[in-house]
Protein backbone atom coordinates (compact mmCIF):
# COMPACT_ATOMS: atom_id res chain seq x y z
CA MET A 1 73.41 18.71 52.30
CA ASN A 2 75.14 20.47 49.40
CA ASN A 3 78.53 19.62 50.90
CA ILE A 4 77.63 15.92 51.03
CA LYS A 5 76.47 15.97 47.40
CA TYR A 6 79.76 17.44 46.17
CA SER A 7 81.74 15.12 48.43
CA LEU A 8 80.01 12.15 46.78
CA LEU A 9 81.14 13.48 43.39
CA ILE A 10 84.72 13.32 44.64
CA VAL A 11 84.19 9.75 45.88
CA LEU A 12 82.89 8.84 42.41
CA ALA A 13 86.02 10.39 40.87
CA ALA A 14 88.17 8.37 43.27
CA PHE A 15 86.34 5.20 42.23
CA ILE A 16 86.96 5.90 38.54
CA TRP A 17 90.66 6.54 39.16
CA GLY A 18 90.95 3.42 41.31
CA SER A 19 89.17 1.20 38.80
CA ALA A 20 91.37 2.61 36.00
CA PHE A 21 94.51 1.20 37.63
CA VAL A 22 94.36 -2.04 35.61
CA ALA A 23 93.84 -0.16 32.33
CA GLN A 24 96.80 2.15 33.01
CA SER A 25 99.07 -0.77 33.86
CA VAL A 26 98.13 -2.66 30.69
CA GLY A 27 98.64 0.44 28.55
CA MET A 28 102.18 0.88 29.89
CA ASP A 29 103.02 -2.59 28.51
CA TYR A 30 102.74 -1.28 24.95
CA ILE A 31 103.68 2.42 24.93
CA GLY A 32 105.81 4.77 27.03
CA PRO A 33 104.50 6.89 29.91
CA PHE A 34 104.65 10.24 28.09
CA MET A 35 102.89 8.90 24.99
CA PHE A 36 100.27 7.27 27.19
CA ASN A 37 99.69 10.61 28.94
CA ALA A 38 99.65 12.44 25.61
CA PHE A 39 96.80 10.27 24.33
CA ARG A 40 94.81 10.10 27.57
CA PHE A 41 94.90 13.86 28.23
CA THR A 42 94.15 14.80 24.61
CA ILE A 43 91.19 12.40 24.57
CA GLY A 44 90.05 13.82 27.91
CA GLY A 45 90.04 17.32 26.42
CA ILE A 46 88.20 16.20 23.27
CA VAL A 47 85.53 14.46 25.35
CA LEU A 48 84.82 17.71 27.17
CA ILE A 49 84.32 19.84 24.03
CA PRO A 50 80.70 18.71 23.41
CA VAL A 51 80.03 19.02 27.15
CA VAL A 52 81.16 22.66 27.03
CA LEU A 53 78.99 23.32 23.95
CA ILE A 54 75.88 21.60 25.35
CA PHE A 55 76.01 23.09 28.82
CA LYS A 56 76.58 26.73 28.00
CA LYS A 57 74.38 27.95 30.79
CA LYS A 58 76.41 30.02 33.18
CA ASN A 59 77.34 28.91 36.67
CA PRO A 60 76.07 30.97 39.61
CA GLU A 61 77.80 34.33 39.49
CA LYS A 62 81.33 34.37 40.83
CA PRO A 63 82.46 37.11 43.22
CA THR A 64 83.50 40.21 41.31
CA VAL A 65 86.90 41.78 41.62
CA SER A 66 85.44 44.59 43.68
CA ALA A 67 83.83 42.08 46.07
CA SER A 68 86.96 40.01 46.51
CA GLY A 69 90.48 41.28 45.96
CA ASN A 70 91.80 37.72 46.22
CA ILE A 71 90.49 36.59 42.81
CA PRO A 72 93.37 34.99 40.85
CA PHE A 73 94.63 37.27 38.07
CA ALA A 74 92.01 39.87 38.96
CA SER A 75 93.30 42.31 36.33
CA LEU A 76 92.45 39.89 33.50
CA SER A 77 89.13 39.47 31.72
CA ASP A 78 87.08 36.34 32.48
CA THR A 79 88.22 34.61 29.28
CA LYS A 80 91.91 35.39 29.75
CA ARG A 81 91.71 34.37 33.41
CA LEU A 82 90.16 31.03 32.40
CA ILE A 83 92.89 30.36 29.85
CA VAL A 84 95.74 31.32 32.19
CA CYS A 85 94.32 29.25 35.07
CA GLY A 86 93.71 26.29 32.75
CA ILE A 87 97.27 26.37 31.42
CA ILE A 88 98.74 26.58 34.93
CA CYS A 89 96.59 23.63 36.11
CA GLY A 90 97.57 21.67 32.98
CA ILE A 91 101.29 22.20 33.59
CA ILE A 92 100.97 21.02 37.20
CA LEU A 93 98.79 18.05 36.23
CA CYS A 94 101.20 17.00 33.47
CA THR A 95 104.16 17.27 35.85
CA ALA A 96 102.49 15.17 38.56
CA SER A 97 101.28 12.49 36.15
CA SER A 98 104.66 12.29 34.40
CA PHE A 99 106.52 11.76 37.67
CA GLN A 100 104.04 9.01 38.59
CA GLN A 101 104.10 7.22 35.22
CA VAL A 102 107.89 7.31 34.93
CA GLY A 103 108.52 6.56 38.62
CA ILE A 104 106.41 3.41 38.70
CA GLN A 105 108.81 1.85 36.21
CA TYR A 106 111.59 1.89 38.82
CA THR A 107 109.71 1.02 42.01
CA THR A 108 107.09 -1.49 43.16
CA PRO A 109 103.36 -0.74 42.95
CA GLY A 110 103.02 -1.03 46.74
CA LYS A 111 105.70 1.54 47.48
CA SER A 112 104.47 3.80 44.66
CA GLY A 113 100.94 3.72 46.06
CA PHE A 114 102.12 4.64 49.54
CA ILE A 115 104.44 7.42 48.42
CA THR A 116 101.80 8.92 46.11
CA SER A 117 99.34 8.92 49.00
CA LEU A 118 101.60 11.38 50.81
CA TYR A 119 99.66 14.15 49.06
CA VAL A 120 96.97 13.50 51.69
CA ILE A 121 99.17 14.98 54.39
CA MET A 122 100.93 17.47 52.10
CA VAL A 123 97.73 19.44 51.45
CA PRO A 124 97.24 20.48 55.10
CA LEU A 125 100.99 20.97 55.47
CA PHE A 126 100.98 23.39 52.53
CA GLY A 127 98.00 25.09 54.18
CA LEU A 128 100.38 26.31 56.90
CA PHE A 129 101.87 28.72 54.36
CA SER A 130 98.52 30.29 53.47
CA LYS A 131 95.60 31.82 55.32
CA GLU A 132 93.67 28.53 55.18
CA LYS A 133 94.63 26.73 58.36
CA PRO A 134 93.58 23.07 58.71
CA GLY A 135 91.47 22.25 61.75
CA PHE A 136 92.47 19.73 64.41
CA ILE A 137 89.98 17.12 63.19
CA MET A 138 91.41 17.36 59.68
CA TRP A 139 94.94 16.71 60.99
CA ILE A 140 93.70 13.65 62.88
CA GLY A 141 91.86 12.42 59.80
CA ALA A 142 94.92 12.93 57.61
CA LEU A 143 97.13 10.98 60.02
CA ILE A 144 94.64 8.09 60.27
CA SER A 145 94.38 8.05 56.48
CA MET A 146 98.16 7.87 56.16
CA VAL A 147 98.33 4.87 58.51
CA GLY A 148 95.57 3.19 56.51
CA MET A 149 97.37 3.85 53.23
CA TYR A 150 100.55 2.36 54.69
CA LEU A 151 98.78 -0.84 55.71
CA LEU A 152 96.99 -0.99 52.37
CA CYS A 153 99.93 -0.39 50.03
CA VAL A 154 103.25 -1.27 51.64
CA SER A 155 104.26 -4.92 51.67
CA GLU A 156 108.05 -4.56 51.57
CA SER A 157 110.72 -2.70 53.49
CA LEU A 158 110.60 1.02 52.75
CA SER A 159 113.75 2.30 51.05
CA LEU A 160 114.35 5.09 48.56
CA ASN A 161 115.48 4.52 45.00
CA LYS A 162 115.09 6.46 41.75
CA GLY A 163 111.45 5.47 41.39
CA ASP A 164 110.63 6.36 45.00
CA ILE A 165 112.08 9.85 44.60
CA LEU A 166 110.22 10.45 41.33
CA THR A 167 106.96 9.26 42.89
CA PHE A 168 107.54 11.53 45.89
CA PHE A 169 107.67 14.52 43.54
CA CYS A 170 104.46 13.18 41.97
CA ALA A 171 102.77 13.42 45.39
CA VAL A 172 104.08 16.97 45.85
CA PHE A 173 102.62 18.13 42.54
CA PHE A 174 99.30 16.34 43.04
CA ALA A 175 98.97 18.17 46.38
CA ILE A 176 99.75 21.46 44.62
CA HIS A 177 97.21 20.60 41.91
CA ILE A 178 94.47 20.04 44.50
CA ILE A 179 95.25 23.37 46.18
CA VAL A 180 95.49 25.32 42.91
CA ILE A 181 92.21 23.87 41.59
CA GLY A 182 90.64 24.91 44.90
CA LYS A 183 91.84 28.49 44.34
CA PHE A 184 90.90 28.79 40.65
CA ALA A 185 87.66 26.79 40.34
CA PRO A 186 85.39 29.19 42.30
CA TYR A 187 86.20 31.99 39.83
CA THR A 188 86.16 30.08 36.52
CA ASP A 189 83.96 27.66 34.61
CA GLY A 190 84.93 24.23 35.96
CA ILE A 191 84.26 22.28 32.73
CA LYS A 192 86.17 24.73 30.55
CA LEU A 193 89.02 24.78 33.07
CA SER A 194 89.30 20.99 32.87
CA CYS A 195 89.20 21.06 29.07
CA ILE A 196 92.05 23.58 28.87
CA GLN A 197 94.19 21.79 31.44
CA PHE A 198 93.85 18.46 29.58
CA PHE A 199 94.85 19.92 26.24
CA THR A 200 97.78 21.68 27.92
CA ALA A 201 98.96 18.44 29.55
CA GLY A 202 98.42 16.55 26.29
CA VAL A 203 100.46 19.01 24.23
CA ILE A 204 103.34 18.99 26.72
CA SER A 205 103.39 15.18 26.84
CA SER A 206 103.20 14.98 23.02
CA VAL A 207 106.28 17.21 22.71
CA ILE A 208 108.28 15.24 25.27
CA ALA A 209 107.33 11.70 24.12
CA PRO A 210 109.24 11.61 20.79
CA ILE A 211 112.32 13.03 22.50
CA VAL A 212 112.64 10.55 25.37
CA GLU A 213 110.76 7.46 24.14
CA ASN A 214 111.08 4.96 21.30
CA LEU A 215 107.70 5.12 19.60
CA ASN A 216 106.41 1.77 18.34
CA VAL A 217 103.32 2.50 16.23
CA GLU A 218 102.65 -1.21 15.70
CA MET A 219 102.03 -1.69 19.43
CA LEU A 220 99.59 1.22 19.64
CA PRO A 221 96.43 -0.77 18.71
CA ASN A 222 97.03 -3.02 21.74
CA ALA A 223 96.84 0.01 23.99
CA ILE A 224 93.69 1.55 22.47
CA ILE A 225 91.22 0.21 25.05
CA PRO A 226 93.33 1.19 28.09
CA ILE A 227 93.93 4.63 26.54
CA LEU A 228 90.22 5.18 25.87
CA TYR A 229 89.30 4.07 29.38
CA ALA A 230 91.88 6.37 30.94
CA GLY A 231 91.09 9.24 28.58
CA VAL A 232 87.30 9.22 28.65
CA LEU A 233 86.62 8.16 32.24
CA SER A 234 89.78 8.85 34.23
CA CYS A 235 90.39 12.22 32.54
CA GLY A 236 87.19 13.41 30.90
CA VAL A 237 84.84 12.39 33.70
CA ALA A 238 86.82 12.06 36.95
CA PHE A 239 88.99 15.18 36.69
CA THR A 240 85.91 17.20 35.76
CA LEU A 241 84.11 15.89 38.83
CA GLN A 242 87.14 16.99 40.84
CA THR A 243 87.15 20.47 39.34
CA VAL A 244 83.40 21.02 39.80
CA ALA A 245 83.23 19.53 43.31
CA GLN A 246 86.21 21.46 44.64
CA GLN A 247 84.24 24.67 44.21
CA LYS A 248 82.29 23.62 47.32
CA VAL A 249 84.57 21.24 49.25
CA ASN A 250 87.58 22.16 51.38
CA PRO A 251 90.92 21.07 49.76
CA VAL A 252 92.00 19.05 52.82
CA LEU A 253 88.73 17.08 52.81
CA CYS A 254 89.20 16.61 49.05
CA SER A 255 92.59 14.99 49.59
CA LEU A 256 91.11 12.58 52.15
CA LEU A 257 88.27 11.58 49.84
CA PHE A 258 90.71 11.14 46.97
CA SER A 259 92.69 8.72 49.17
CA LEU A 260 89.83 6.27 48.54
CA GLU A 261 91.36 5.80 45.08
CA SER A 262 93.75 3.20 46.47
CA VAL A 263 90.94 1.43 48.31
CA PHE A 264 88.90 1.19 45.12
CA SER A 265 91.99 0.06 43.23
CA VAL A 266 92.44 -2.88 45.59
CA LEU A 267 88.74 -3.74 45.60
CA THR A 268 88.39 -3.66 41.79
CA SER A 269 91.59 -5.70 41.41
CA TRP A 270 90.05 -8.25 43.77
CA LEU A 271 86.78 -8.32 41.79
CA ILE A 272 88.27 -8.26 38.28
CA LEU A 273 91.64 -9.97 38.73
CA HIS A 274 90.57 -12.12 41.71
CA GLU A 275 93.40 -10.81 43.89
CA ARG A 276 92.92 -11.68 47.54
CA LEU A 277 92.99 -9.07 50.32
CA THR A 278 95.20 -9.81 53.30
CA ALA A 279 94.16 -8.96 56.84
CA LYS A 280 96.55 -6.01 56.79
CA GLU A 281 95.05 -4.64 53.57
CA ILE A 282 91.53 -4.97 54.96
CA ALA A 283 92.66 -3.08 58.06
CA GLY A 284 94.04 -0.36 55.79
CA CYS A 285 90.69 -0.06 53.97
CA ILE A 286 88.87 0.27 57.28
CA LEU A 287 91.22 2.99 58.53
CA VAL A 288 90.94 5.03 55.34
CA PHE A 289 87.15 4.86 55.46
CA ALA A 290 87.25 5.73 59.17
CA ALA A 291 89.34 8.83 58.42
CA VAL A 292 86.89 9.96 55.75
CA VAL A 293 83.87 9.41 58.02
CA LEU A 294 85.60 11.28 60.86
CA VAL A 295 86.24 14.36 58.76
CA GLN A 296 82.85 14.21 57.03
CA THR A 297 80.90 14.12 60.28
CA ALA A 298 82.99 16.62 62.25
CA PRO A 299 80.86 19.68 63.09
CA LEU A 300 83.95 21.83 62.62
CA LEU A 301 83.99 21.01 58.93
CA TYR A 302 80.42 22.07 58.28
CA SER A 303 80.82 25.65 59.41
CA ARG A 304 80.32 26.42 55.71
CA SER A 305 83.10 25.35 53.40
CA ASP A 306 82.36 28.26 51.03
CA ASN A 307 83.33 30.80 53.66
CA THR A 308 86.60 29.00 54.31
CA MET A 309 87.53 29.04 50.63
CA GLN A 310 86.63 32.73 50.17
CA LYS A 311 88.92 33.66 53.05
CA ALA A 312 91.84 31.82 51.45
């Protein structure tokens, strides 16, 4: 039952990210990708400060170093470990988001959506290099999800250009981010970890933006609403849900649930912008949902996710 509860938190995060697609697109019309990321991540970090102060009650005790030799940075104190893990997650998050924001300027949204969704299959592939081996059902679910994402996002012939390559690297780093969060979150405070990673990503983006972009301050007011939506909900709320939920949910299942982001993006575009779904896109939605249901209901998955993560 606990696993289902945390899985629903991930679905909620996917919905927020999917519904934020319109806001992110509008924001890019007025400011550059690095400046957009600088604002959204900084706002996301600021939003979490009162949350950290209000909810100071400790999480259930984490395994001690003596109980588990696999704790990240076991030689560090709890505070130093939190800071180091937060900075590492922030660097990876900033890298992934930067590749995505820059890459979408050189490729079509359909191709970008499909290429980004490759993180779904990259997570179990990366699992081959660690002790956490994906089960057969998870591989089947990942493959079905990939087919669904293809039907949902791709409407033109698939060919590689500058934007496609940049977006591919975005998928790689998002997969790494999911795995790294899965390793760090069980041994740190999830809210504080999110706060640190957002400020880290915001600082990096703020340093890069003036170097590579022409800043037009006059256009900034037009982007305020998209920035606030992306910063407060997409960053402050959704990424925190991800960080907290991944303490209990297997990283491969996480990637499948996160694939619903594209489904929600299409559905909210249909509701808000009145965009029509084609038969192929509807088929893609059905396949993605089918993949999620398959993995969620597989008995293999519910052999206690916590044990799987502690063995990793």
